Amino acid sequence: DLVLVLKSVGSPEAAGEALYAAMFDAAPSLQHLFTTPRAVMTMRIMSGLNQIISSLSDPKALKIHTETLGFQHMDMDVSVPRVVIFRDAITELMKVELGPAFTVLAKEGLLTVLNYVGGSYIYVRVQYAERLRILASSWAQANNKFVDEDGLVTSEGNVSGSECNESLAAAYARELVTPPGSPRGTPRGSQSGPGEPSPRKKARRSRGGFFGHGRKSANGAHGEPAKEFRNRCVPKDFKDMFVFNVAVMGYSHQAWMQEILGAWDAIVTHVSNSNRFQEECDVLSLRLAKHKGAICLSDYKTVMFASLRSLVKEWGSVHEVSWTWLWENVERKLKLMAGRPAKHQAALSAFLSSLDEDAMAVVRREIFINFFAIAPQGQEHFKQSSTRLHFIADKVVSVTLEIYRDPQRVVEDLSALGLRHVGFGIPAEMFAPFVTACVRVMRALTSDDMAEEAFRWSLNLISRVLMRVINEGSTIVMKAINANSGVKLARAVACAPRGKRALWMLNVQVGTQSIS
């Protein structure tokens, strides 16, 4: 059926547009759920349907695809009536487009598939709630966090072991690893005569063992300096324990692990938010693409589980299942993007370098013509001169390539830009039609599918980062300031605790970026 629809409408983009329009128009009350740019969502719909239909002959692959799609819809209230609405809309579109070719048997088969997919969405959302709870509680425990009276997650204040992880790992390595040809148990560089204890053993005996147990020190205390060293240097949170395990387990040369470690807290914390989860995985895939050589993701899983088992009390089978489920979802997304950022960057760079000044003039003009046609209310927010609008268009085009080259810096710059948009009072709803307008303009200028995909993918990621920053930074205080209302500002500040009112008024922070 999908092949016949493609033939009838002409292209995958047109088929996706038809499916999007059918679902969008079938449920006016659910249109607020369509926050992704239309040009991006149409390709997602086609990709999802193609994966499901292609895997009908492989139940295991079908289960993985439907679980992945259900995971992406976990933050949405998927219910039976809503599934019926979308199912009937797709079925009706097939009937209109295919006519007599859409037989009764084909209709029954399509209804069965859509019922299965919709049911899996509901199942994933209901059954995996317990896994999300286990992930949240065990992650808080692994990082020495608890919920205070205000409902905020704070640290327990334990001494971090990050400053001495390398020295402690080196100490373990010296104690446990012996050079070839050395007597068993004799550390490197401490060879002694037959029957004579090594200098290290003598020092250890004087301390009462490796950690100084049971022997008096010069001041009469029983191993107090060594005990203090042990208490301070044993890792007490996930990051420190991970760094320690990387050194001990022999993975220090794999620098790419630090990229995943840096993003892991955000991934685990926002696992129930499909948009944020996808954003973090996309940015992580760009950063991993900058590392040369082979990347074995299972090595990170090994170190991660070793660290969690050391930190989480009462670790059991439910924790193994929950964390394995999370890692499989992350690994699946990273493997899906493996190798693609480099190809995207090369194709997009070649395409943009081929645009001469006349083509760029068309881009600058057509982007805003298409945007104002799609979202007329956007004219209220673009009141600058034509020169300024052309500058914005140039920056939009250039940043789509820069994010492939230096994702970390570009994401930081986008966070700062998003906070400036908070001060400008730009609604997040404007980004979806703007992305759609840009993609339409670029699609008309190239026949290279890879270049178009690279531009669409990067611009979609950029818009998601900006929308998240705007939503997180649009506090009730900032909304009152943008409304230029003293009454609303007083009401907003009145909600804050007395000791934090000045902070609410003077500081708005998202990640590492802030405005005041």
Protein backbone atom coordinates (compact mmCIF):
# COMPACT_ATOMS: atom_id res chain seq x y z
CA ASP A 1 0.00 0.00 0.00
CA LEU A 2 2.75 2.44 0.88
CA VAL A 3 4.47 1.83 -2.46
CA LEU A 4 1.21 2.50 -4.29
CA VAL A 5 0.70 5.72 -2.34
CA LEU A 6 4.21 6.86 -3.27
CA LYS A 7 3.46 6.20 -6.92
CA SER A 8 0.17 8.07 -6.75
CA VAL A 9 1.55 11.20 -5.07
CA GLY A 10 4.97 11.23 -6.71
CA SER A 11 7.56 11.37 -3.90
CA PRO A 12 8.14 10.44 -0.24
CA GLU A 13 7.93 14.12 0.75
CA ALA A 14 4.51 14.45 -0.90
CA ALA A 15 3.31 11.22 0.72
CA GLY A 16 4.48 12.46 4.10
CA GLU A 17 2.73 15.77 3.55
CA ALA A 18 -0.51 13.95 2.71
CA LEU A 19 -0.28 11.76 5.82
CA TYR A 20 0.59 14.73 8.01
CA ALA A 21 -2.33 16.77 6.65
CA ALA A 22 -4.72 13.85 7.12
CA MET A 23 -3.75 13.35 10.79
CA PHE A 24 -3.54 17.07 11.50
CA ASP A 25 -6.97 17.83 10.07
CA ALA A 26 -8.65 14.76 11.58
CA ALA A 27 -8.20 15.97 15.16
CA PRO A 28 -8.34 19.76 15.62
CA SER A 29 -8.23 19.34 19.40
CA LEU A 30 -4.87 17.54 19.12
CA GLN A 31 -3.14 20.02 16.85
CA HIS A 32 -1.24 21.48 19.81
CA LEU A 33 0.73 18.21 19.96
CA PHE A 34 2.26 18.85 16.52
CA THR A 35 5.21 20.98 17.67
CA THR A 36 7.83 19.52 15.31
CA PRO A 37 8.41 21.47 12.07
CA ARG A 38 6.16 20.17 9.32
CA ALA A 39 9.01 19.54 6.88
CA VAL A 40 10.74 17.40 9.51
CA MET A 41 7.63 15.62 10.74
CA THR A 42 6.58 14.51 7.26
CA MET A 43 9.85 12.63 6.78
CA ARG A 44 9.59 11.12 10.26
CA ILE A 45 6.12 9.79 9.48
CA MET A 46 7.29 8.20 6.26
CA SER A 47 10.39 6.76 7.90
CA GLY A 48 8.36 5.28 10.77
CA LEU A 49 5.76 3.71 8.51
CA ASN A 50 8.43 2.36 6.19
CA GLN A 51 10.29 0.73 9.10
CA ILE A 52 7.12 -0.85 10.47
CA ILE A 53 5.90 -2.21 7.14
CA SER A 54 9.36 -3.43 6.14
CA SER A 55 9.73 -5.38 9.38
CA LEU A 56 6.33 -7.12 9.29
CA SER A 57 8.06 -10.35 8.25
CA ASP A 58 10.48 -10.10 11.20
CA PRO A 59 8.58 -10.04 14.54
CA LYS A 60 11.72 -9.30 16.57
CA ALA A 61 12.63 -6.27 14.44
CA LEU A 62 9.00 -5.12 14.47
CA LYS A 63 8.98 -5.25 18.27
CA ILE A 64 12.16 -3.16 18.45
CA HIS A 65 10.81 -0.54 16.03
CA THR A 66 7.47 -0.19 17.81
CA GLU A 67 9.13 -0.01 21.23
CA THR A 68 11.45 2.70 19.94
CA LEU A 69 8.55 4.71 18.55
CA GLY A 70 6.59 4.17 21.77
CA PHE A 71 9.59 5.40 23.76
CA GLN A 72 9.56 8.60 21.70
CA HIS A 73 5.89 9.15 22.60
CA MET A 74 6.21 8.48 26.34
CA ASP A 75 5.64 12.11 27.30
CA MET A 76 2.36 12.23 25.34
CA ASP A 77 -1.01 11.07 26.61
CA VAL A 78 -1.58 8.27 24.11
CA SER A 79 -5.07 6.81 24.59
CA VAL A 80 -7.36 4.45 22.71
CA PRO A 81 -9.63 7.23 21.33
CA ARG A 82 -6.61 9.13 20.02
CA VAL A 83 -5.19 6.00 18.41
CA VAL A 84 -8.56 5.43 16.70
CA ILE A 85 -8.56 9.00 15.35
CA PHE A 86 -5.13 8.70 13.75
CA ARG A 87 -5.79 5.15 12.54
CA ASP A 88 -9.01 6.14 10.77
CA ALA A 89 -7.35 9.22 9.25
CA ILE A 90 -4.56 7.14 7.71
CA THR A 91 -7.00 4.48 6.50
CA GLU A 92 -9.25 7.08 4.91
CA LEU A 93 -6.28 8.65 3.11
CA MET A 94 -5.27 5.27 1.71
CA LYS A 95 -8.83 4.70 0.49
CA VAL A 96 -8.95 8.07 -1.27
CA GLU A 97 -5.50 7.81 -2.87
CA LEU A 98 -5.62 4.15 -3.93
CA GLY A 99 -9.29 3.77 -4.81
CA PRO A 100 -10.14 0.21 -5.98
CA ALA A 101 -6.56 -0.93 -5.33
CA PHE A 102 -7.21 -0.57 -1.61
CA THR A 103 -9.01 -3.89 -1.19
CA VAL A 104 -10.87 -5.17 1.86
CA LEU A 105 -7.97 -7.46 2.70
CA ALA A 106 -5.50 -4.57 2.45
CA LYS A 107 -7.72 -2.46 4.71
CA GLU A 108 -7.93 -5.18 7.33
CA GLY A 109 -4.17 -5.66 7.24
CA LEU A 110 -3.50 -1.93 7.65
CA LEU A 111 -5.99 -1.66 10.52
CA THR A 112 -4.31 -4.59 12.26
CA VAL A 113 -0.86 -3.02 11.94
CA LEU A 114 -2.02 0.41 13.15
CA ASN A 115 -3.90 -1.15 16.08
CA TYR A 116 -0.76 -3.04 17.06
CA VAL A 117 1.40 0.09 16.86
CA GLY A 118 -1.09 2.21 18.82
CA GLY A 119 -1.46 -0.49 21.44
CA SER A 120 2.31 -0.73 21.82
CA TYR A 121 2.48 3.03 22.45
CA ILE A 122 -0.03 2.68 25.27
CA TYR A 123 1.70 -0.41 26.67
CA VAL A 124 5.13 1.25 26.69
CA ARG A 125 3.79 4.34 28.44
CA VAL A 126 1.98 2.37 31.15
CA GLN A 127 4.36 -0.54 31.75
CA TYR A 128 7.63 1.36 31.60
CA ALA A 129 6.61 3.92 34.23
CA GLU A 130 8.12 1.66 36.91
CA ARG A 131 11.40 1.56 35.03
CA LEU A 132 11.50 5.34 34.91
CA ARG A 133 10.93 5.47 38.68
CA ILE A 134 13.77 3.01 39.29
CA LEU A 135 16.08 4.97 37.00
CA ALA A 136 15.30 8.24 38.78
CA SER A 137 15.75 6.85 42.30
CA SER A 138 18.93 4.88 41.58
CA TRP A 139 20.48 7.79 39.66
CA ALA A 140 19.80 10.14 42.57
CA GLN A 141 21.38 7.63 44.95
CA ALA A 142 24.41 7.17 42.69
CA ASN A 143 25.00 10.94 42.80
CA ASN A 144 24.35 11.46 46.53
CA LYS A 145 21.23 13.51 45.94
CA PHE A 146 18.01 13.80 47.86
CA VAL A 147 14.82 15.85 47.69
CA ASP A 148 14.67 18.70 50.18
CA GLU A 149 11.63 20.39 51.68
CA ASP A 150 11.19 22.60 48.63
CA GLY A 151 11.11 19.57 46.34
CA LEU A 152 14.52 20.39 44.86
CA VAL A 153 17.19 17.80 44.18
CA THR A 154 20.32 18.76 46.10
CA SER A 155 23.63 17.16 47.01
CA GLU A 156 24.25 15.59 50.37
CA GLY A 157 27.57 17.38 50.60
CA ASN A 158 29.92 14.39 50.61
CA VAL A 159 33.54 15.03 49.77
CA SER A 160 34.19 14.43 46.11
CA GLY A 161 36.93 12.05 45.11
CA SER A 162 37.62 13.62 41.74
CA GLU A 163 40.87 15.20 42.91
CA CYS A 164 42.50 11.91 43.91
CA ASN A 165 41.02 9.37 41.49
CA GLU A 166 44.12 9.30 39.33
CA SER A 167 46.50 8.88 42.29
CA LEU A 168 44.31 6.16 43.83
CA ALA A 169 44.04 4.31 40.51
CA ALA A 170 47.80 4.58 40.09
CA ALA A 171 48.28 3.21 43.60
CA TYR A 172 46.07 0.22 42.82
CA ALA A 173 47.91 -0.33 39.55
CA ARG A 174 51.28 -0.29 41.29
CA GLU A 175 50.07 -2.76 43.91
CA LEU A 176 48.30 -5.17 41.58
CA VAL A 177 50.35 -5.11 38.38
CA THR A 178 53.80 -6.64 38.28
CA PRO A 179 56.30 -6.33 35.44
CA PRO A 180 57.32 -9.39 33.42
CA GLY A 181 60.03 -11.39 35.16
CA SER A 182 59.40 -9.89 38.60
CA PRO A 183 58.66 -12.16 41.58
CA ARG A 184 54.93 -12.52 42.23
CA GLY A 185 53.68 -9.75 44.47
CA THR A 186 56.78 -7.57 44.07
CA PRO A 187 55.84 -4.12 42.74
CA ARG A 188 57.69 -2.44 39.94
CA GLY A 189 60.86 -0.64 40.98
CA SER A 190 61.08 -2.26 44.42
CA GLN A 191 63.27 -5.35 43.86
CA SER A 192 64.89 -6.69 47.05
CA GLY A 193 67.24 -9.50 47.95
CA PRO A 194 66.01 -13.04 48.64
CA GLY A 195 64.00 -13.20 51.82
CA GLU A 196 64.27 -9.47 52.38
CA PRO A 197 61.02 -7.49 52.38
CA SER A 198 60.79 -4.68 49.88
CA PRO A 199 60.86 -1.05 51.04
CA ARG A 200 57.17 -0.75 50.14
CA LYS A 201 56.29 -3.78 52.25
CA LYS A 202 58.28 -2.35 55.14
CA ALA A 203 56.44 0.93 54.87
CA ARG A 204 53.11 -0.89 54.57
CA ARG A 205 53.83 -2.95 57.66
CA SER A 206 54.68 0.18 59.60
CA ARG A 207 51.34 1.63 58.53
CA GLY A 208 49.50 -1.59 59.26
CA GLY A 209 48.64 -2.62 55.69
CA PHE A 210 47.93 -0.79 52.43
CA PHE A 211 45.31 1.48 54.04
CA GLY A 212 47.03 1.69 57.42
CA HIS A 213 44.75 -0.49 59.57
CA GLY A 214 45.56 -1.59 63.10
CA ARG A 215 49.03 -0.04 63.57
CA LYS A 216 49.78 2.98 65.69
CA SER A 217 51.28 5.99 64.02
CA ALA A 218 53.94 8.19 65.58
CA ASN A 219 51.35 10.32 67.36
CA GLY A 220 49.63 7.27 68.85
CA ALA A 221 46.59 7.30 66.56
CA HIS A 222 45.61 4.10 64.80
CA GLY A 223 46.10 4.83 61.10
CA GLU A 224 44.31 8.21 61.11
CA PRO A 225 46.16 9.74 58.11
CA ALA A 226 45.56 6.64 56.00
CA LYS A 227 41.95 6.46 57.12
CA GLU A 228 41.45 10.09 56.14
CA PHE A 229 43.04 9.35 52.75
CA ARG A 230 40.71 6.39 52.26
CA ASN A 231 37.57 8.33 53.20
CA ARG A 232 38.44 11.24 50.98
CA CYS A 233 39.66 9.31 47.97
CA VAL A 234 37.00 6.63 47.58
CA PRO A 235 34.67 7.92 44.81
CA LYS A 236 31.26 8.87 46.15
CA ASP A 237 29.31 9.84 43.03
CA PHE A 238 28.86 8.39 39.55
CA LYS A 239 31.23 10.69 37.71
CA ASP A 240 34.12 10.10 40.09
CA MET A 241 33.46 6.36 40.27
CA PHE A 242 33.29 6.18 36.47
CA VAL A 243 36.63 7.99 36.08
CA PHE A 244 38.18 5.68 38.66
CA ASN A 245 36.83 2.54 36.95
CA VAL A 246 38.02 3.76 33.55
CA ALA A 247 41.57 3.97 34.91
CA VAL A 248 41.44 0.66 36.76
CA MET A 249 39.76 -1.30 33.95
CA GLY A 250 42.23 -0.10 31.32
CA TYR A 251 40.00 2.18 29.24
CA SER A 252 41.94 5.41 29.85
CA HIS A 253 42.95 5.62 26.19
CA GLN A 254 39.32 5.76 25.03
CA ALA A 255 38.71 9.51 25.25
CA TRP A 256 35.28 9.24 23.64
CA MET A 257 33.88 7.85 26.90
CA GLN A 258 34.19 11.32 28.41
CA GLU A 259 31.77 12.63 25.80
CA ILE A 260 29.05 10.19 26.86
CA LEU A 261 29.85 10.76 30.54
CA GLY A 262 29.41 14.50 30.08
CA ALA A 263 25.95 14.02 28.54
CA TRP A 264 24.84 11.07 30.67
CA ASP A 265 23.30 13.09 33.51
CA ALA A 266 21.07 15.02 31.10
CA ILE A 267 20.11 11.80 29.29
CA VAL A 268 19.11 9.97 32.46
CA THR A 269 17.39 12.98 34.02
CA HIS A 270 15.25 13.67 30.94
CA VAL A 271 14.64 10.09 29.82
CA SER A 272 10.86 10.58 30.11
CA ASN A 273 10.98 13.69 27.89
CA SER A 274 11.27 12.32 24.36
CA ASN A 275 12.23 15.64 22.75
CA ARG A 276 15.00 16.39 25.24
CA PHE A 277 16.19 12.79 25.17
CA GLN A 278 16.42 12.87 21.36
CA GLU A 279 18.18 16.23 21.45
CA GLU A 280 20.84 14.99 23.87
CA CYS A 281 21.45 11.85 21.79
CA ASP A 282 21.71 13.89 18.57
CA VAL A 283 24.24 16.31 20.06
CA LEU A 284 26.17 13.40 21.54
CA SER A 285 26.31 11.67 18.15
CA LEU A 286 27.86 14.83 16.65
CA ARG A 287 30.48 15.00 19.39
CA LEU A 288 31.32 11.30 19.08
CA ALA A 289 31.77 11.77 15.32
CA LYS A 290 34.75 14.02 16.05
CA HIS A 291 36.71 11.15 17.60
CA LYS A 292 38.93 9.14 15.29
CA GLY A 293 39.12 5.39 15.42
CA ALA A 294 36.64 2.70 16.39
CA ILE A 295 34.11 3.36 19.14
CA CYS A 296 32.89 0.31 21.05
CA LEU A 297 29.80 1.47 22.91
CA SER A 298 29.62 -1.75 24.91
CA ASP A 299 32.79 -0.67 26.75
CA TYR A 300 30.95 2.30 28.18
CA LYS A 301 28.14 0.02 29.28
CA THR A 302 30.64 -2.20 31.12
CA VAL A 303 32.16 0.71 33.05
CA MET A 304 28.73 2.27 33.68
CA PHE A 305 27.30 -0.88 35.25
CA ALA A 306 30.43 -1.42 37.35
CA SER A 307 30.08 2.12 38.69
CA LEU A 308 26.36 1.88 39.38
CA ARG A 309 26.68 -1.46 41.18
CA SER A 310 29.26 0.13 43.49
CA LEU A 311 27.09 3.13 44.35
CA VAL A 312 23.47 1.95 44.40
CA LYS A 313 22.40 0.13 47.52
CA GLU A 314 20.21 -2.94 47.14
CA TRP A 315 21.11 -3.27 43.46
CA GLY A 316 18.98 -6.03 41.99
CA SER A 317 17.53 -7.55 38.86
CA VAL A 318 15.01 -4.73 38.40
CA HIS A 319 17.88 -2.26 38.26
CA GLU A 320 19.70 -4.41 35.71
CA VAL A 321 16.59 -4.55 33.51
CA SER A 322 15.85 -0.82 33.81
CA TRP A 323 19.37 0.40 33.10
CA THR A 324 19.83 -2.12 30.30
CA TRP A 325 16.60 -0.87 28.72
CA LEU A 326 17.81 2.74 28.93
CA TRP A 327 21.22 1.91 27.51
CA GLU A 328 19.73 -0.08 24.62
CA ASN A 329 17.62 2.93 23.63
CA VAL A 330 20.62 5.26 23.78
CA GLU A 331 22.84 2.80 21.94
CA ARG A 332 20.24 2.30 19.24
CA LYS A 333 20.05 6.03 18.57
CA LEU A 334 23.82 6.47 18.54
CA LYS A 335 24.33 3.53 16.19
CA LEU A 336 21.63 4.90 13.90
CA MET A 337 23.66 8.10 13.52
CA ALA A 338 27.06 6.38 13.32
CA GLY A 339 28.92 7.61 10.25
CA ARG A 340 26.15 9.97 9.15
CA PRO A 341 27.47 13.27 10.61
CA ALA A 342 30.62 13.07 8.46
CA LYS A 343 28.59 12.35 5.33
CA HIS A 344 26.12 15.11 6.19
CA GLN A 345 28.90 17.60 6.76
CA ALA A 346 30.61 16.79 3.46
CA ALA A 347 27.37 16.97 1.45
CA LEU A 348 26.15 20.17 3.11
CA SER A 349 29.55 21.84 2.80
CA ALA A 350 29.69 21.05 -0.92
CA PHE A 351 26.15 22.31 -1.44
CA LEU A 352 26.61 25.61 0.42
CA SER A 353 29.94 26.30 -1.26
CA SER A 354 28.25 25.87 -4.64
CA LEU A 355 25.77 28.69 -3.95
CA ASP A 356 26.87 31.92 -5.59
CA GLU A 357 25.78 35.40 -4.55
CA ASP A 358 22.68 35.33 -6.76
CA ALA A 359 21.55 32.04 -5.22
CA MET A 360 22.14 33.39 -1.71
CA ALA A 361 20.09 36.46 -2.57
CA VAL A 362 17.23 34.14 -3.51
CA VAL A 363 17.66 32.25 -0.23
CA ARG A 364 17.58 35.45 1.84
CA ARG A 365 14.44 36.67 0.13
CA GLU A 366 12.48 33.43 -0.19
CA ILE A 367 13.00 32.26 3.41
CA PHE A 368 11.01 35.14 4.84
CA ILE A 369 8.45 35.16 2.03
CA ASN A 370 7.67 31.50 2.73
CA PHE A 371 7.77 32.02 6.50
CA PHE A 372 5.32 34.93 6.46
CA ALA A 373 3.03 32.94 4.18
CA ILE A 374 3.02 29.98 6.58
CA ALA A 375 2.87 32.04 9.81
CA PRO A 376 1.59 35.59 9.18
CA GLN A 377 1.86 36.39 12.89
CA GLY A 378 5.61 36.08 12.51
CA GLN A 379 5.68 39.53 10.90
CA GLU A 380 5.09 41.01 14.35
CA HIS A 381 8.48 39.71 15.48
CA PHE A 382 10.52 40.61 12.35
CA LYS A 383 10.26 44.38 12.19
CA GLN A 384 13.91 44.95 11.34
CA SER A 385 15.31 46.29 8.09
CA SER A 386 15.90 44.09 5.06
CA THR A 387 19.63 44.20 5.76
CA ARG A 388 19.08 42.72 9.22
CA LEU A 389 16.76 40.03 7.86
CA HIS A 390 19.37 39.08 5.25
CA PHE A 391 21.97 38.84 8.02
CA ILE A 392 19.68 36.51 10.00
CA ALA A 393 19.15 34.31 6.95
CA ASP A 394 22.92 34.09 6.36
CA LYS A 395 23.51 33.11 9.99
CA VAL A 396 20.80 30.44 9.81
CA VAL A 397 22.42 28.87 6.76
CA SER A 398 25.95 29.02 8.16
CA VAL A 399 25.09 27.60 11.59
CA THR A 400 23.60 24.47 10.01
CA LEU A 401 27.12 23.60 8.86
CA GLU A 402 28.94 24.89 11.94
CA ILE A 403 27.08 22.53 14.25
CA TYR A 404 28.63 19.59 12.40
CA ARG A 405 32.11 21.10 12.75
CA ASP A 406 32.00 22.19 16.40
CA PRO A 407 28.84 20.92 18.13
CA GLN A 408 29.88 21.82 21.67
CA ARG A 409 30.57 25.47 20.93
CA VAL A 410 27.50 25.88 18.73
CA VAL A 411 25.16 24.39 21.35
CA GLU A 412 26.56 26.82 23.94
CA ASP A 413 26.05 29.73 21.52
CA LEU A 414 22.51 28.55 20.80
CA SER A 415 21.73 28.49 24.52
CA ALA A 416 22.86 32.09 24.81
CA LEU A 417 20.86 33.01 21.71
CA GLY A 418 17.76 31.30 23.08
CA LEU A 419 17.97 33.30 26.29
CA ARG A 420 18.17 36.50 24.24
CA HIS A 421 15.00 35.37 22.48
CA VAL A 422 13.41 35.03 25.91
CA GLY A 423 14.19 38.69 26.50
CA PHE A 424 12.75 39.55 23.09
CA GLY A 425 9.55 37.69 23.93
CA ILE A 426 9.75 35.39 20.88
CA PRO A 427 7.24 32.51 21.19
CA ALA A 428 8.65 29.02 20.67
CA GLU A 429 5.78 28.25 18.28
CA MET A 430 7.45 30.37 15.60
CA PHE A 431 10.38 28.03 15.09
CA ALA A 432 8.48 25.15 13.48
CA PRO A 433 7.12 27.20 10.54
CA PHE A 434 10.47 28.97 10.17
CA VAL A 435 12.28 25.62 9.79
CA THR A 436 9.66 24.46 7.29
CA ALA A 437 10.15 27.63 5.22
CA CYS A 438 13.95 27.22 5.20
CA VAL A 439 13.75 23.57 4.14
CA ARG A 440 11.36 24.39 1.30
CA VAL A 441 13.71 27.04 -0.04
CA MET A 442 16.76 24.76 0.09
CA ARG A 443 14.86 21.86 -1.44
CA ALA A 444 14.20 23.98 -4.53
CA LEU A 445 17.92 24.72 -4.95
CA THR A 446 19.40 21.20 -4.87
CA SER A 447 18.74 17.74 -6.19
CA ASP A 448 21.18 16.16 -3.73
CA ASP A 449 19.07 14.22 -1.24
CA MET A 450 21.98 13.90 1.20
CA ALA A 451 22.53 17.67 1.28
CA GLU A 452 18.83 18.30 1.82
CA GLU A 453 18.71 15.71 4.61
CA ALA A 454 21.81 17.22 6.25
CA PHE A 455 20.33 20.72 6.18
CA ARG A 456 16.93 19.56 7.46
CA TRP A 457 18.45 17.44 10.25
CA SER A 458 20.80 20.11 11.57
CA LEU A 459 18.25 22.92 11.36
CA ASN A 460 15.72 20.76 13.19
CA LEU A 461 18.26 20.12 15.96
CA ILE A 462 19.05 23.82 16.18
CA SER A 463 15.36 24.71 16.48
CA ARG A 464 14.83 22.10 19.21
CA VAL A 465 17.71 23.53 21.25
CA LEU A 466 16.34 27.06 20.90
CA MET A 467 12.77 26.01 21.73
CA ARG A 468 13.93 24.16 24.84
CA VAL A 469 15.96 27.13 26.07
CA ILE A 470 13.04 29.49 25.46
CA ASN A 471 10.59 27.22 27.29
CA GLU A 472 12.95 26.72 30.22
CA GLY A 473 13.89 30.39 30.40
CA SER A 474 10.37 31.78 30.07
CA THR A 475 9.71 32.04 33.78
CA ILE A 476 6.66 33.85 35.12
CA VAL A 477 8.93 36.79 35.95
CA MET A 478 10.25 37.02 32.38
CA LYS A 479 6.72 36.74 31.00
CA ALA A 480 5.64 39.63 33.20
CA ILE A 481 8.63 41.71 32.08
CA ASN A 482 7.91 41.00 28.41
CA ALA A 483 4.27 41.99 28.99
CA ASN A 484 5.55 45.26 30.53
CA SER A 485 3.09 44.83 33.39
CA GLY A 486 3.97 45.93 36.90
CA VAL A 487 0.96 44.10 38.33
CA LYS A 488 1.99 40.79 36.75
CA LEU A 489 5.57 41.30 37.91
CA ALA A 490 4.47 41.86 41.50
CA ARG A 491 2.33 38.73 41.37
CA ALA A 492 5.15 36.70 39.88
CA VAL A 493 7.67 37.81 42.50
CA ALA A 494 5.15 37.19 45.27
CA CYS A 495 5.25 33.48 44.43
CA ALA A 496 8.93 33.29 45.35
CA PRO A 497 10.19 32.61 48.88
CA ARG A 498 11.31 35.78 50.62
CA GLY A 499 14.95 34.83 50.52
CA LYS A 500 14.84 34.12 46.78
CA ARG A 501 12.77 37.00 45.39
CA ALA A 502 15.78 39.03 44.31
CA LEU A 503 17.25 35.97 42.61
CA TRP A 504 14.00 35.35 40.74
CA MET A 505 13.99 38.95 39.51
CA LEU A 506 17.67 39.25 38.58
CA ASN A 507 18.71 35.86 37.25
CA VAL A 508 17.36 33.55 34.55
CA GLN A 509 19.61 30.56 33.87
CA VAL A 510 19.39 27.61 31.48
CA GLY A 511 22.32 25.21 31.65
CA THR A 512 25.53 27.22 31.72
CA GLN A 513 23.97 30.36 30.19
CA SER A 514 22.17 33.08 32.13
CA ILE A 515 20.73 36.53 31.67
CA SER A 516 19.98 39.12 34.31
